[in-house]
PDB file of N, CA and C in Angstrom:
ATOM      1  N   UNK A   1      45.735  61.740  40.913  1.00  0.00           N
ATOM      2  CA  UNK A   1      46.245  62.217  41.256  1.00  0.00           C
ATOM      3  C   UNK A   1      47.672  62.865  41.940  1.00  0.00           C
ATOM      4  N   UNK A   2      47.328  63.563  42.669  1.00  0.00           N
ATOM      5  CA  UNK A   2      48.283  65.173  43.556  1.00  0.00           C
ATOM      6  C   UNK A   2      49.128  64.471  44.179  1.00  0.00           C
ATOM      7  N   UNK A   3      50.318  64.967  44.446  1.00  0.00           N
ATOM      8  CA  UNK A   3      50.874  64.189  45.246  1.00  0.00           C
ATOM      9  C   UNK A   3      51.136  65.385  46.398  1.00  0.00           C
ATOM     10  N   UNK A   4      50.171  65.928  46.377  1.00  0.00           N
ATOM     11  CA  UNK A   4      49.789  65.839  48.322  1.00  0.00           C
ATOM     12  C   UNK A   4      48.621  64.826  48.675  1.00  0.00           C
ATOM     13  N   UNK A   5      48.247  64.069  47.836  1.00  0.00           N
ATOM     14  CA  UNK A   5      46.890  62.732  47.917  1.00  0.00           C
ATOM     15  C   UNK A   5      48.085  61.902  48.282  1.00  0.00           C
ATOM     16  N   UNK A   6      48.802  61.951  47.528  1.00  0.00           N
ATOM     17  CA  UNK A   6      49.691  60.335  47.656  1.00  0.00           C
ATOM     18  C   UNK A   6      49.457  60.298  48.912  1.00  0.00           C
ATOM     19  N   UNK A   7      50.075  61.836  49.451  1.00  0.00           N
ATOM     20  CA  UNK A   7      50.554  61.803  50.592  1.00  0.00           C
ATOM     21  C   UNK A   7      49.830  61.410  52.079  1.00  0.00           C
ATOM     22  N   UNK A   8      48.882  62.084  51.556  1.00  0.00           N
ATOM     23  CA  UNK A   8      48.202  62.007  52.433  1.00  0.00           C
ATOM     24  C   UNK A   8      47.642  60.586  52.818  1.00  0.00           C
ATOM     25  N   UNK A   9      47.734  60.018  52.191  1.00  0.00           N
ATOM     26  CA  UNK A   9      46.830  58.727  51.605  1.00  0.00           C
ATOM     27  C   UNK A   9      48.186  57.793  52.499  1.00  0.00           C
ATOM     28  N   UNK A  10      49.107  57.879  51.836  1.00  0.00           N
ATOM     29  CA  UNK A  10      51.264  56.847  52.283  1.00  0.00           C
ATOM     30  C   UNK A  10      50.365  57.421  54.342  1.00  0.00           C
ATOM     31  N   UNK A  11      49.941  58.285  54.403  1.00  0.00           N
ATOM     32  CA  UNK A  11      50.295  59.044  55.741  1.00  0.00           C
ATOM     33  C   UNK A  11      48.774  58.064  56.786  1.00  0.00           C
ATOM     34  N   UNK A  12      47.889  58.368  55.947  1.00  0.00           N
ATOM     35  CA  UNK A  12      46.486  57.513  56.419  1.00  0.00           C
ATOM     36  C   UNK A  12      46.760  55.925  56.555  1.00  0.00           C
ATOM     37  N   UNK A  13      46.967  55.491  55.303  1.00  0.00           N
ATOM     38  CA  UNK A  13      47.702  53.662  55.175  1.00  0.00           C
ATOM     39  C   UNK A  13      48.558  53.329  56.184  1.00  0.00           C
ATOM     40  N   UNK A  14      49.421  54.512  56.476  1.00  0.00           N
ATOM     41  CA  UNK A  14      50.518  53.957  57.932  1.00  0.00           C
ATOM     42  C   UNK A  14      50.027  53.926  59.236  1.00  0.00           C
ATOM     43  N   UNK A  15      48.759  54.911  59.133  1.00  0.00           N
ATOM     44  CA  UNK A  15      48.517  54.859  60.755  1.00  0.00           C
ATOM     45  C   UNK A  15      46.918  54.093  60.572  1.00  0.00           C
ATOM     46  N   UNK A  16      46.686  52.920  59.728  1.00  0.00           N
ATOM     47  CA  UNK A  16      45.523  52.613  60.075  1.00  0.00           C
ATOM     48  C   UNK A  16      46.180  51.337  60.052  1.00  0.00           C
ATOM     49  N   UNK A  17      47.648  51.081  59.379  1.00  0.00           N
ATOM     50  CA  UNK A  17      48.341  50.118  59.096  1.00  0.00           C
ATOM     51  C   UNK A  17      48.725  49.776  60.648  1.00  0.00           C
ATOM     52  N   UNK A  18      48.898  50.513  61.721  1.00  0.00           N
ATOM     53  CA  UNK A  18      50.531  50.719  62.507  1.00  0.00           C
ATOM     54  C   UNK A  18      49.025  49.376  64.199  1.00  0.00           C
ATOM     55  N   UNK A  19      50.049  48.503  64.065  1.00  0.00           N
ATOM     56  CA  UNK A  19      49.269  48.244  65.483  1.00  0.00           C
ATOM     57  C   UNK A  19      48.896  48.703  66.569  1.00  0.00           C
ATOM     58  N   UNK A  20      47.984  48.777  67.461  1.00  0.00           N
ATOM     59  CA  UNK A  20      47.983  48.906  68.760  1.00  0.00           C
ATOM     60  C   UNK A  20      47.640  47.588  69.836  1.00  0.00           C
ATOM     61  N   UNK A  21      48.291  48.145  70.784  1.00  0.00           N
ATOM     62  CA  UNK A  21      47.925  46.775  71.884  1.00  0.00           C
ATOM     63  C   UNK A  21      46.306  47.162  71.565  1.00  0.00           C
ATOM     64  N   UNK A  22      45.124  45.327  72.527  1.00  0.00           N
ATOM     65  CA  UNK A  22      43.889  45.552  72.681  1.00  0.00           C
ATOM     66  C   UNK A  22      44.049  45.917  74.565  1.00  0.00           C
ATOM     67  N   UNK A  23      44.769  44.743  74.752  1.00  0.00           N
ATOM     68  CA  UNK A  23      44.917  43.918  76.470  1.00  0.00           C
ATOM     69  C   UNK A  23      43.414  44.316  76.524  1.00  0.00           C
ATOM     70  N   UNK A  24      42.703  42.603  75.786  1.00  0.00           N
ATOM     71  CA  UNK A  24      42.368  41.849  76.163  1.00  0.00           C
ATOM     72  C   UNK A  24      42.604  39.983  75.736  1.00  0.00           C
ATOM     73  N   UNK A  25      41.118  39.955  76.354  1.00  0.00           N
ATOM     74  CA  UNK A  25      41.683  38.814  76.930  1.00  0.00           C
ATOM     75  C   UNK A  25      41.041  37.106  75.785  1.00  0.00           C
ATOM     76  N   UNK A  26      41.609  36.046  76.227  1.00  0.00           N
ATOM     77  CA  UNK A  26      40.427  35.407  75.106  1.00  0.00           C
ATOM     78  C   UNK A  26      40.828  33.991  75.716  1.00  0.00           C
ATOM     79  N   UNK A  27      39.362  34.105  76.954  1.00  0.00           N
ATOM     80  CA  UNK A  27      39.956  32.518  77.817  1.00  0.00           C
ATOM     81  C   UNK A  27      40.057  31.247  76.641  1.00  0.00           C
ATOM     82  N   UNK A  28      40.234  30.468  77.282  1.00  0.00           N
ATOM     83  CA  UNK A  28      39.785  29.148  75.849  1.00  0.00           C
ATOM     84  C   UNK A  28      38.856  28.348  75.654  1.00  0.00           C
ATOM     85  N   UNK A  29      37.408  29.364  76.463  1.00  0.00           N
ATOM     86  CA  UNK A  29      36.161  28.691  76.071  1.00  0.00           C
ATOM     87  C   UNK A  29      36.027  28.984  74.455  1.00  0.00           C
ATOM     88  N   UNK A  30      36.582  30.629  74.201  1.00  0.00           N
ATOM     89  CA  UNK A  30      36.188  31.068  73.466  1.00  0.00           C
ATOM     90  C   UNK A  30      36.278  30.963  72.038  1.00  0.00           C
ATOM     91  N   UNK A  31      37.249  29.690  71.429  1.00  0.00           N
ATOM     92  CA  UNK A  31      37.346  28.791  71.150  1.00  0.00           C
ATOM     93  C   UNK A  31      37.118  27.410  69.986  1.00  0.00           C
ATOM     94  N   UNK A  32      36.507  27.386  71.115  1.00  0.00           N
ATOM     95  CA  UNK A  32      35.716  26.244  71.299  1.00  0.00           C
ATOM     96  C   UNK A  32      34.217  26.607  70.885  1.00  0.00           C
ATOM     97  N   UNK A  33      34.053  28.044  71.471  1.00  0.00           N
ATOM     98  CA  UNK A  33      32.835  28.285  70.992  1.00  0.00           C
ATOM     99  C   UNK A  33      32.823  29.320  69.980  1.00  0.00           C
ATOM    100  N   UNK A  34      33.265  29.227  69.380  1.00  0.00           N
ATOM    101  CA  UNK A  34      33.495  30.414  68.027  1.00  0.00           C
ATOM    102  C   UNK A  34      33.896  28.527  66.617  1.00  0.00           C
ATOM    103  N   UNK A  35      33.690  27.435  66.994  1.00  0.00           N
ATOM    104  CA  UNK A  35      34.114  26.309  66.454  1.00  0.00           C
ATOM    105  C   UNK A  35      32.826  25.608  66.852  1.00  0.00           C
ATOM    106  N   UNK A  36      31.778  25.770  67.783  1.00  0.00           N
ATOM    107  CA  UNK A  36      30.405  25.818  67.655  1.00  0.00           C
ATOM    108  C   UNK A  36      30.023  25.864  66.797  1.00  0.00           C
ATOM    109  N   UNK A  37      30.103  27.356  66.314  1.00  0.00           N
ATOM    110  CA  UNK A  37      29.324  28.147  65.638  1.00  0.00           C
ATOM    111  C   UNK A  37      29.175  27.820  64.452  1.00  0.00           C
ATOM    112  N   UNK A  38      30.580  27.712  64.341  1.00  0.00           N
ATOM    113  CA  UNK A  38      31.003  26.967  62.562  1.00  0.00           C
ATOM    114  C   UNK A  38      30.520  26.071  62.261  1.00  0.00           C
ATOM    115  N   UNK A  39      30.546  24.761  63.293  1.00  0.00           N
ATOM    116  CA  UNK A  39      29.634  23.878  63.023  1.00  0.00           C
ATOM    117  C   UNK A  39      28.549  23.742  62.632  1.00  0.00           C
ATOM    118  N   UNK A  40      27.862  24.732  63.947  1.00  0.00           N
ATOM    119  CA  UNK A  40      26.381  24.408  64.241  1.00  0.00           C
ATOM    120  C   UNK A  40      26.289  25.696  62.007  1.00  0.00           C
ATOM    121  N   UNK A  41      26.111  26.398  62.104  1.00  0.00           N
ATOM    122  CA  UNK A  41      25.817  27.250  61.062  1.00  0.00           C
ATOM    123  C   UNK A  41      26.219  26.279  59.653  1.00  0.00           C
ATOM    124  N   UNK A  42      27.482  25.298  59.591  1.00  0.00           N
ATOM    125  CA  UNK A  42      27.677  24.306  58.474  1.00  0.00           C
ATOM    126  C   UNK A  42      26.261  23.304  58.599  1.00  0.00           C
ATOM    127  N   UNK A  43      26.459  22.816  59.938  1.00  0.00           N
ATOM    128  CA  UNK A  43      24.960  22.319  60.139  1.00  0.00           C
ATOM    129  C   UNK A  43      23.335  23.030  59.342  1.00  0.00           C
ATOM    130  N   UNK A  44      23.119  23.524  59.908  1.00  0.00           N
ATOM    131  CA  UNK A  44      22.193  24.623  59.451  1.00  0.00           C
ATOM    132  C   UNK A  44      21.628  24.483  57.619  1.00  0.00           C
ATOM    133  N   UNK A  45      22.991  24.908  57.260  1.00  0.00           N
ATOM    134  CA  UNK A  45      23.341  24.774  55.513  1.00  0.00           C
ATOM    135  C   UNK A  45      23.149  24.121  55.150  1.00  0.00           C
ATOM    136  N   UNK A  46      23.407  22.581  55.935  1.00  0.00           N
ATOM    137  CA  UNK A  46      23.071  20.974  54.801  1.00  0.00           C
ATOM    138  C   UNK A  46      22.178  20.764  55.422  1.00  0.00           C
ATOM    139  N   UNK A  47      21.099  21.289  56.211  1.00  0.00           N
ATOM    140  CA  UNK A  47      19.595  20.735  57.071  1.00  0.00           C
ATOM    141  C   UNK A  47      18.936  21.250  55.880  1.00  0.00           C
ATOM    142  N   UNK A  48      19.089  23.325  54.659  1.00  0.00           N
ATOM    143  CA  UNK A  48      18.761  24.181  54.811  1.00  0.00           C
ATOM    144  C   UNK A  48      18.818  23.046  52.907  1.00  0.00           C
ATOM    145  N   UNK A  49      19.652  22.971  52.741  1.00  0.00           N
ATOM    146  CA  UNK A  49      20.209  22.054  50.903  1.00  0.00           C
ATOM    147  C   UNK A  49      19.514  20.797  51.008  1.00  0.00           C
ATOM    148  N   UNK A  50      19.162  20.214  52.204  1.00  0.00           N
ATOM    149  CA  UNK A  50      18.454  18.703  51.945  1.00  0.00           C
ATOM    150  C   UNK A  50      17.205  19.318  51.370  1.00  0.00           C
ATOM    151  N   UNK A  51      16.399  20.657  52.246  1.00  0.00           N
ATOM    152  CA  UNK A  51      14.952  20.390  52.462  1.00  0.00           C
ATOM    153  C   UNK A  51      14.734  21.100  51.534  1.00  0.00           C
ATOM    154  N   UNK A  52      15.316  21.955  49.845  1.00  0.00           N
ATOM    155  CA  UNK A  52      15.406  22.576  49.124  1.00  0.00           C
ATOM    156  C   UNK A  52      15.704  22.052  48.304  1.00  0.00           C
ATOM    157  N   UNK A  53      16.505  20.464  48.146  1.00  0.00           N
ATOM    158  CA  UNK A  53      17.550  20.318  47.392  1.00  0.00           C
ATOM    159  C   UNK A  53      16.798  20.649  45.913  1.00  0.00           C
ATOM    160  N   UNK A  54      15.667  20.161  45.707  1.00  0.00           N
ATOM    161  CA  UNK A  54      14.807  19.714  44.494  1.00  0.00           C
ATOM    162  C   UNK A  54      14.591  20.878  43.972  1.00  0.00           C
ATOM    163  N   UNK A  55      13.579  21.568  44.478  1.00  0.00           N
ATOM    164  CA  UNK A  55      13.618  23.344  44.186  1.00  0.00           C
ATOM    165  C   UNK A  55      14.408  24.081  43.385  1.00  0.00           C
ATOM    166  N   UNK A  56      16.618  23.439  43.823  1.00  0.00           N
ATOM    167  CA  UNK A  56      17.363  23.817  43.352  1.00  0.00           C
ATOM    168  C   UNK A  56      17.601  23.739  42.042  1.00  0.00           C
ATOM    169  N   UNK A  57      17.488  21.659  42.437  1.00  0.00           N
ATOM    170  CA  UNK A  57      17.844  21.323  41.540  1.00  0.00           C
ATOM    171  C   UNK A  57      16.790  21.941  39.901  1.00  0.00           C
ATOM    172  N   UNK A  58      15.742  21.537  39.913  1.00  0.00           N
ATOM    173  CA  UNK A  58      14.902  22.194  38.975  1.00  0.00           C
ATOM    174  C   UNK A  58      14.717  23.546  38.511  1.00  0.00           C
ATOM    175  N   UNK A  59      15.210  25.390  39.539  1.00  0.00           N
ATOM    176  CA  UNK A  59      15.274  25.574  39.033  1.00  0.00           C
ATOM    177  C   UNK A  59      17.136  26.134  37.951  1.00  0.00           C
ATOM    178  N   UNK A  60      17.793  25.034  37.976  1.00  0.00           N
ATOM    179  CA  UNK A  60      18.633  25.369  37.098  1.00  0.00           C
ATOM    180  C   UNK A  60      18.474  24.454  35.936  1.00  0.00           C
ATOM    181  N   UNK A  61      16.901  23.705  35.365  1.00  0.00           N
ATOM    182  CA  UNK A  61      16.577  22.849  34.354  1.00  0.00           C
ATOM    183  C   UNK A  61      17.565  21.782  35.011  1.00  0.00           C
ATOM    184  N   UNK A  62      17.665  20.848  36.190  1.00  0.00           N
ATOM    185  CA  UNK A  62      18.276  20.045  36.078  1.00  0.00           C
ATOM    186  C   UNK A  62      17.196  18.448  36.679  1.00  0.00           C
ATOM    187  N   UNK A  63      16.589  19.482  37.546  1.00  0.00           N
ATOM    188  CA  UNK A  63      14.875  18.688  38.011  1.00  0.00           C
ATOM    189  C   UNK A  63      13.845  18.049  37.020  1.00  0.00           C
ATOM    190  N   UNK A  64      13.423  17.543  38.136  1.00  0.00           N
ATOM    191  CA  UNK A  64      12.392  16.613  36.816  1.00  0.00           C
ATOM    192  C   UNK A  64      10.987  17.753  36.516  1.00  0.00           C
ATOM    193  N   UNK A  65      11.227  17.799  35.299  1.00  0.00           N
ATOM    194  CA  UNK A  65       9.702  18.912  35.355  1.00  0.00           C
ATOM    195  C   UNK A  65       8.024  18.075  35.711  1.00  0.00           C
ATOM    196  N   UNK A  66       7.537  18.922  35.979  1.00  0.00           N
ATOM    197  CA  UNK A  66       5.722  19.046  36.862  1.00  0.00           C
ATOM    198  C   UNK A  66       4.916  18.457  35.017  1.00  0.00           C
ATOM    199  N   UNK A  67       5.456  18.941  34.474  1.00  0.00           N
ATOM    200  CA  UNK A  67       4.195  18.422  33.724  1.00  0.00           C
ATOM    201  C   UNK A  67       4.592  17.297  32.838  1.00  0.00           C
ATOM    202  N   UNK A  68       5.758  16.891  33.664  1.00  0.00           N
ATOM    203  CA  UNK A  68       5.267  14.507  33.478  1.00  0.00           C
ATOM    204  C   UNK A  68       4.325  14.184  34.143  1.00  0.00           C
ATOM    205  N   UNK A  69       3.208  14.901  34.145  1.00  0.00           N
ATOM    206  CA  UNK A  69       2.284  14.412  35.729  1.00  0.00           C
ATOM    207  C   UNK A  69       0.957  13.743  34.255  1.00  0.00           C
ATOM    208  N   UNK A  70       0.335  12.296  34.670  1.00  0.00           N
ATOM    209  CA  UNK A  70       0.248  11.214  34.185  1.00  0.00           C
ATOM    210  C   UNK A  70      -1.443  11.113  34.576  1.00  0.00           C
ATOM    211  N   UNK A  71      -2.627  11.558  33.708  1.00  0.00           N
ATOM    212  CA  UNK A  71      -3.507  12.070  34.091  1.00  0.00           C
ATOM    213  C   UNK A  71      -3.834  11.414  35.120  1.00  0.00           C
ATOM    214  N   UNK A  72      -5.225  10.810  35.799  1.00  0.00           N
ATOM    215  CA  UNK A  72      -5.299   9.688  36.141  1.00  0.00           C
ATOM    216  C   UNK A  72      -6.144   8.944  35.574  1.00  0.00           C
ATOM    217  N   UNK A  73      -7.047   9.144  34.732  1.00  0.00           N
ATOM    218  CA  UNK A  73      -7.796   8.311  34.116  1.00  0.00           C
ATOM    219  C   UNK A  73      -7.143   7.455  33.553  1.00  0.00           C
ATOM    220  N   UNK A  74      -5.580   7.767  33.018  1.00  0.00           N
ATOM    221  CA  UNK A  74      -4.584   6.066  32.222  1.00  0.00           C
ATOM    222  C   UNK A  74      -3.690   6.370  33.425  1.00  0.00           C
ATOM    223  N   UNK A  75      -3.749   6.190  34.577  1.00  0.00           N
ATOM    224  CA  UNK A  75      -3.017   5.662  35.410  1.00  0.00           C
ATOM    225  C   UNK A  75      -4.436   4.670  36.026  1.00  0.00           C
ATOM    226  N   UNK A  76      -5.953   4.747  36.244  1.00  0.00           N
ATOM    227  CA  UNK A  76      -6.207   3.540  36.762  1.00  0.00           C
ATOM    228  C   UNK A  76      -6.861   2.755  35.667  1.00  0.00           C
ATOM    229  N   UNK A  77      -5.849   2.744  34.694  1.00  0.00           N
ATOM    230  CA  UNK A  77      -6.940   1.241  34.033  1.00  0.00           C
ATOM    231  C   UNK A  77      -5.487   1.147  33.962  1.00  0.00           C
ATOM    232  N   UNK A  78      -4.626   1.081  34.376  1.00  0.00           N
ATOM    233  CA  UNK A  78      -4.102  -0.316  34.125  1.00  0.00           C
ATOM    234  C   UNK A  78      -3.310  -0.941  35.122  1.00  0.00           C
ATOM    235  N   UNK A  79      -4.208  -0.707  36.288  1.00  0.00           N
ATOM    236  CA  UNK A  79      -4.929  -0.991  37.494  1.00  0.00           C
ATOM    237  C   UNK A  79      -5.245  -2.517  37.691  1.00  0.00           C
ATOM    238  N   UNK A  80      -5.328  -2.930  38.141  1.00  0.00           N
ATOM    239  CA  UNK A  80      -5.982  -4.023  37.437  1.00  0.00           C
ATOM    240  C   UNK A  80      -7.137  -4.592  39.068  1.00  0.00           C
ATOM    241  N   UNK A  81      -8.524  -4.229  39.403  1.00  0.00           N
ATOM    242  CA  UNK A  81      -9.255  -4.562  40.103  1.00  0.00           C
ATOM    243  C   UNK A  81      -9.518  -5.851  40.234  1.00  0.00           C
ATOM    244  N   UNK A  82      -9.461  -6.088  42.163  1.00  0.00           N
ATOM    245  CA  UNK A  82      -9.325  -7.073  42.467  1.00  0.00           C
ATOM    246  C   UNK A  82     -10.553  -7.456  43.157  1.00  0.00           C
ATOM    247  N   UNK A  83     -12.171  -8.539  43.074  1.00  0.00           N
ATOM    248  CA  UNK A  83     -12.865  -8.724  43.527  1.00  0.00           C
ATOM    249  C   UNK A  83     -13.168  -9.286  43.802  1.00  0.00           C
ATOM    250  N   UNK A  84     -11.977 -10.413  44.677  1.00  0.00           N
ATOM    251  CA  UNK A  84     -12.328 -10.961  45.712  1.00  0.00           C
ATOM    252  C   UNK A  84     -11.696 -10.473  47.497  1.00  0.00           C
ATOM    253  N   UNK A  85     -11.524  -9.766  47.525  1.00  0.00           N
ATOM    254  CA  UNK A  85     -10.979  -8.841  48.482  1.00  0.00           C
ATOM    255  C   UNK A  85     -12.145  -7.758  49.131  1.00  0.00           C
ATOM    256  N   UNK A  86     -12.180  -8.290  50.447  1.00  0.00           N
ATOM    257  CA  UNK A  86     -13.604  -6.935  50.833  1.00  0.00           C
ATOM    258  C   UNK A  86     -12.570  -6.157  51.310  1.00  0.00           C
ATOM    259  N   UNK A  87     -13.579  -4.623  51.941  1.00  0.00           N
ATOM    260  CA  UNK A  87     -12.647  -3.855  52.348  1.00  0.00           C
ATOM    261  C   UNK A  87     -11.990  -3.945  52.516  1.00  0.00           C
ATOM    262  N   UNK A  88     -10.774  -3.158  52.859  1.00  0.00           N
ATOM    263  CA  UNK A  88      -9.354  -2.912  53.857  1.00  0.00           C
ATOM    264  C   UNK A  88      -9.769  -1.547  54.501  1.00  0.00           C
ATOM    265  N   UNK A  89      -9.317  -1.978  55.742  1.00  0.00           N
ATOM    266  CA  UNK A  89     -10.013  -1.282  56.912  1.00  0.00           C
ATOM    267  C   UNK A  89      -8.355  -0.824  57.570  1.00  0.00           C
TER     268      UNK A  89
END
């Protein structure tokens, strides 16, 4: 970078970092609103993680594999059948 470029960058940086008065007013309710926005966002993120937690774990390889499904014939063979009970409503 040339000497002129460094001087120009220094002048622009100085102008950008020079504070200017804002003439603005923030009432006490504004801080409460920002805190409420932050806490609501965190609660929404927690609900979103709870809903998709198993998908997230399986995406990274830590969840249960879906190939571990037991065949329907094997599952019904192990259950004892009771002939004494009537139809259930």
